[in-house]
């Protein structure tokens, strides 16, 4: 009996999508942390905002990166959701569109209207 190792199979589309979401969010958070910590010293943030807590510089870096990662993860997941649930292919060329409804004169379907102008 030959059993397939779970690593030797291909990922599903959903697994690949989530892998891309996590990777893009990580890269975006890393770039955001690079810019944020280039402009702001985390020690200043700790001294100003978290004086009552005894956190060090590394924890300040970690918490800021975790916050950026969560924000980027939500944005990336929303982007994947919008792409996957958007219109199907060919939508821009008119495939799959509903037919244009016919417009009738209201006096044809309502006998109480006698030649009134509805334009």
C-alpha atoms as a PDB file:
ATOM      1  CA  UNK A   1       0.000   0.000   0.000  1.00  0.00           C
ATOM      2  CA  UNK A   2       1.452   3.319  -1.070  1.00  0.00           C
ATOM      3  CA  UNK A   3       0.491   6.334   1.023  1.00  0.00           C
ATOM      4  CA  UNK A   4       1.104   9.809  -0.223  1.00  0.00           C
ATOM      5  CA  UNK A   5       3.002  12.133   2.038  1.00  0.00           C
ATOM      6  CA  UNK A   6       1.014  15.336   2.712  1.00  0.00           C
ATOM      7  CA  UNK A   7       3.892  17.480   1.470  1.00  0.00           C
ATOM      8  CA  UNK A   8       3.916  15.796  -1.959  1.00  0.00           C
ATOM      9  CA  UNK A   9       0.548  17.128  -3.053  1.00  0.00           C
ATOM     10  CA  UNK A  10      -0.379  20.419  -4.681  1.00  0.00           C
ATOM     11  CA  UNK A  11      -2.038  23.170  -2.683  1.00  0.00           C
ATOM     12  CA  UNK A  12      -5.605  24.081  -3.389  1.00  0.00           C
ATOM     13  CA  UNK A  13      -6.468  27.523  -4.730  1.00  0.00           C
ATOM     14  CA  UNK A  14      -7.647  28.619  -1.280  1.00  0.00           C
ATOM     15  CA  UNK A  15      -4.393  27.499   0.371  1.00  0.00           C
ATOM     16  CA  UNK A  16      -2.344  29.366  -2.225  1.00  0.00           C
ATOM     17  CA  UNK A  17      -4.487  32.476  -1.778  1.00  0.00           C
ATOM     18  CA  UNK A  18      -3.998  32.468   1.985  1.00  0.00           C
ATOM     19  CA  UNK A  19      -0.266  31.833   1.623  1.00  0.00           C
ATOM     20  CA  UNK A  20      -0.028  34.876  -0.645  1.00  0.00           C
ATOM     21  CA  UNK A  21      -2.131  36.934   1.797  1.00  0.00           C
ATOM     22  CA  UNK A  22       0.140  36.074   4.733  1.00  0.00           C
ATOM     23  CA  UNK A  23       3.333  36.673   2.738  1.00  0.00           C
ATOM     24  CA  UNK A  24       2.230  40.021   1.290  1.00  0.00           C
ATOM     25  CA  UNK A  25       1.037  41.158   4.728  1.00  0.00           C
ATOM     26  CA  UNK A  26       4.392  40.209   6.243  1.00  0.00           C
ATOM     27  CA  UNK A  27       6.359  42.085   3.579  1.00  0.00           C
ATOM     28  CA  UNK A  28       4.095  45.127   3.896  1.00  0.00           C
ATOM     29  CA  UNK A  29       4.396  45.148   7.685  1.00  0.00           C
ATOM     30  CA  UNK A  30       8.186  44.836   7.417  1.00  0.00           C
ATOM     31  CA  UNK A  31       8.326  47.797   5.039  1.00  0.00           C
ATOM     32  CA  UNK A  32       5.967  49.761   7.294  1.00  0.00           C
ATOM     33  CA  UNK A  33       8.060  48.984  10.370  1.00  0.00           C
ATOM     34  CA  UNK A  34      11.200  50.029   8.488  1.00  0.00           C
ATOM     35  CA  UNK A  35       9.657  53.401   7.667  1.00  0.00           C
ATOM     36  CA  UNK A  36       8.006  53.840  11.093  1.00  0.00           C
ATOM     37  CA  UNK A  37      11.146  53.088  13.070  1.00  0.00           C
ATOM     38  CA  UNK A  38      13.187  55.229  10.729  1.00  0.00           C
ATOM     39  CA  UNK A  39      11.012  58.192  11.677  1.00  0.00           C
ATOM     40  CA  UNK A  40      10.117  57.421  15.310  1.00  0.00           C
ATOM     41  CA  UNK A  41      12.301  56.049  18.094  1.00  0.00           C
ATOM     42  CA  UNK A  42      10.420  53.254  19.920  1.00  0.00           C
ATOM     43  CA  UNK A  43      11.998  54.321  23.205  1.00  0.00           C
ATOM     44  CA  UNK A  44      10.255  57.683  22.847  1.00  0.00           C
ATOM     45  CA  UNK A  45       6.951  55.905  22.220  1.00  0.00           C
ATOM     46  CA  UNK A  46       7.446  53.742  25.317  1.00  0.00           C
ATOM     47  CA  UNK A  47       8.338  56.751  27.476  1.00  0.00           C
ATOM     48  CA  UNK A  48       5.370  58.803  26.263  1.00  0.00           C
ATOM     49  CA  UNK A  49       2.589  56.235  26.030  1.00  0.00           C
ATOM     50  CA  UNK A  50       3.476  53.246  28.168  1.00  0.00           C
ATOM     51  CA  UNK A  51       5.247  54.702  31.190  1.00  0.00           C
ATOM     52  CA  UNK A  52       3.172  52.703  33.632  1.00  0.00           C
ATOM     53  CA  UNK A  53       4.125  49.431  31.921  1.00  0.00           C
ATOM     54  CA  UNK A  54       7.609  48.021  32.190  1.00  0.00           C
ATOM     55  CA  UNK A  55       8.281  47.081  28.569  1.00  0.00           C
ATOM     56  CA  UNK A  56      11.617  47.186  26.876  1.00  0.00           C
ATOM     57  CA  UNK A  57      12.746  48.268  23.462  1.00  0.00           C
ATOM     58  CA  UNK A  58      12.408  44.801  21.904  1.00  0.00           C
ATOM     59  CA  UNK A  59       8.841  44.413  23.105  1.00  0.00           C
ATOM     60  CA  UNK A  60       8.000  47.873  21.745  1.00  0.00           C
ATOM     61  CA  UNK A  61       9.404  46.841  18.356  1.00  0.00           C
ATOM     62  CA  UNK A  62       7.472  43.569  18.511  1.00  0.00           C
ATOM     63  CA  UNK A  63       4.165  45.150  19.454  1.00  0.00           C
ATOM     64  CA  UNK A  64       4.452  47.798  16.741  1.00  0.00           C
ATOM     65  CA  UNK A  65       5.295  45.155  14.144  1.00  0.00           C
ATOM     66  CA  UNK A  66       2.394  42.951  15.322  1.00  0.00           C
ATOM     67  CA  UNK A  67       0.004  45.895  14.985  1.00  0.00           C
ATOM     68  CA  UNK A  68       1.278  46.671  11.479  1.00  0.00           C
ATOM     69  CA  UNK A  69       1.078  42.984  10.528  1.00  0.00           C
ATOM     70  CA  UNK A  70      -2.558  42.711  11.639  1.00  0.00           C
ATOM     71  CA  UNK A  71      -3.523  45.853   9.723  1.00  0.00           C
ATOM     72  CA  UNK A  72      -1.719  44.636   6.588  1.00  0.00           C
ATOM     73  CA  UNK A  73      -3.228  41.161   6.996  1.00  0.00           C
ATOM     74  CA  UNK A  74      -6.760  42.577   7.060  1.00  0.00           C
ATOM     75  CA  UNK A  75      -6.074  44.735   3.998  1.00  0.00           C
ATOM     76  CA  UNK A  76      -4.538  41.824   2.112  1.00  0.00           C
ATOM     77  CA  UNK A  77      -7.382  39.454   3.032  1.00  0.00           C
ATOM     78  CA  UNK A  78      -9.948  42.032   1.939  1.00  0.00           C
ATOM     79  CA  UNK A  79      -8.141  42.402  -1.380  1.00  0.00           C
ATOM     80  CA  UNK A  80      -8.175  38.622  -1.915  1.00  0.00           C
ATOM     81  CA  UNK A  81     -11.881  38.489  -1.036  1.00  0.00           C
ATOM     82  CA  UNK A  82     -12.695  41.272  -3.500  1.00  0.00           C
ATOM     83  CA  UNK A  83     -10.707  39.609  -6.278  1.00  0.00           C
ATOM     84  CA  UNK A  84     -12.219  36.153  -5.743  1.00  0.00           C
ATOM     85  CA  UNK A  85     -15.823  37.338  -5.394  1.00  0.00           C
ATOM     86  CA  UNK A  86     -15.720  39.922  -8.172  1.00  0.00           C
ATOM     87  CA  UNK A  87     -17.327  39.643 -11.587  1.00  0.00           C
ATOM     88  CA  UNK A  88     -16.466  36.628 -13.688  1.00  0.00           C
ATOM     89  CA  UNK A  89     -14.179  36.748 -16.688  1.00  0.00           C
ATOM     90  CA  UNK A  90     -15.691  38.384 -19.719  1.00  0.00           C
ATOM     91  CA  UNK A  91     -17.761  40.777 -17.628  1.00  0.00           C
ATOM     92  CA  UNK A  92     -16.072  43.804 -19.209  1.00  0.00           C
ATOM     93  CA  UNK A  93     -16.859  42.524 -22.723  1.00  0.00           C
ATOM     94  CA  UNK A  94     -20.539  42.053 -21.928  1.00  0.00           C
ATOM     95  CA  UNK A  95     -20.650  38.286 -21.373  1.00  0.00           C
ATOM     96  CA  UNK A  96     -23.039  37.283 -18.626  1.00  0.00           C
ATOM     97  CA  UNK A  97     -24.864  40.613 -18.547  1.00  0.00           C
ATOM     98  CA  UNK A  98     -28.626  40.692 -18.233  1.00  0.00           C
ATOM     99  CA  UNK A  99     -30.713  41.769 -21.180  1.00  0.00           C
ATOM    100  CA  UNK A 100     -31.817  45.395 -21.253  1.00  0.00           C
ATOM    101  CA  UNK A 101     -35.429  45.538 -20.033  1.00  0.00           C
ATOM    102  CA  UNK A 102     -38.088  46.665 -22.425  1.00  0.00           C
ATOM    103  CA  UNK A 103     -39.742  50.006 -21.672  1.00  0.00           C
ATOM    104  CA  UNK A 104     -43.480  50.215 -22.246  1.00  0.00           C
ATOM    105  CA  UNK A 105     -45.841  53.141 -22.295  1.00  0.00           C
ATOM    106  CA  UNK A 106     -47.626  53.291 -18.893  1.00  0.00           C
ATOM    107  CA  UNK A 107     -50.979  53.914 -20.554  1.00  0.00           C
ATOM    108  CA  UNK A 108     -50.876  50.428 -22.115  1.00  0.00           C
ATOM    109  CA  UNK A 109     -50.844  48.623 -18.754  1.00  0.00           C
ATOM    110  CA  UNK A 110     -52.987  51.107 -16.790  1.00  0.00           C
ATOM    111  CA  UNK A 111     -56.408  51.986 -18.242  1.00  0.00           C
ATOM    112  CA  UNK A 112     -56.820  54.946 -15.849  1.00  0.00           C
ATOM    113  CA  UNK A 113     -54.143  56.898 -17.702  1.00  0.00           C
ATOM    114  CA  UNK A 114     -55.670  58.477 -20.763  1.00  0.00           C
ATOM    115  CA  UNK A 115     -52.947  59.946 -22.899  1.00  0.00           C
ATOM    116  CA  UNK A 116     -51.158  61.813 -20.103  1.00  0.00           C
ATOM    117  CA  UNK A 117     -47.611  62.869 -20.823  1.00  0.00           C
ATOM    118  CA  UNK A 118     -45.137  60.824 -18.702  1.00  0.00           C
ATOM    119  CA  UNK A 119     -41.925  61.999 -20.266  1.00  0.00           C
END
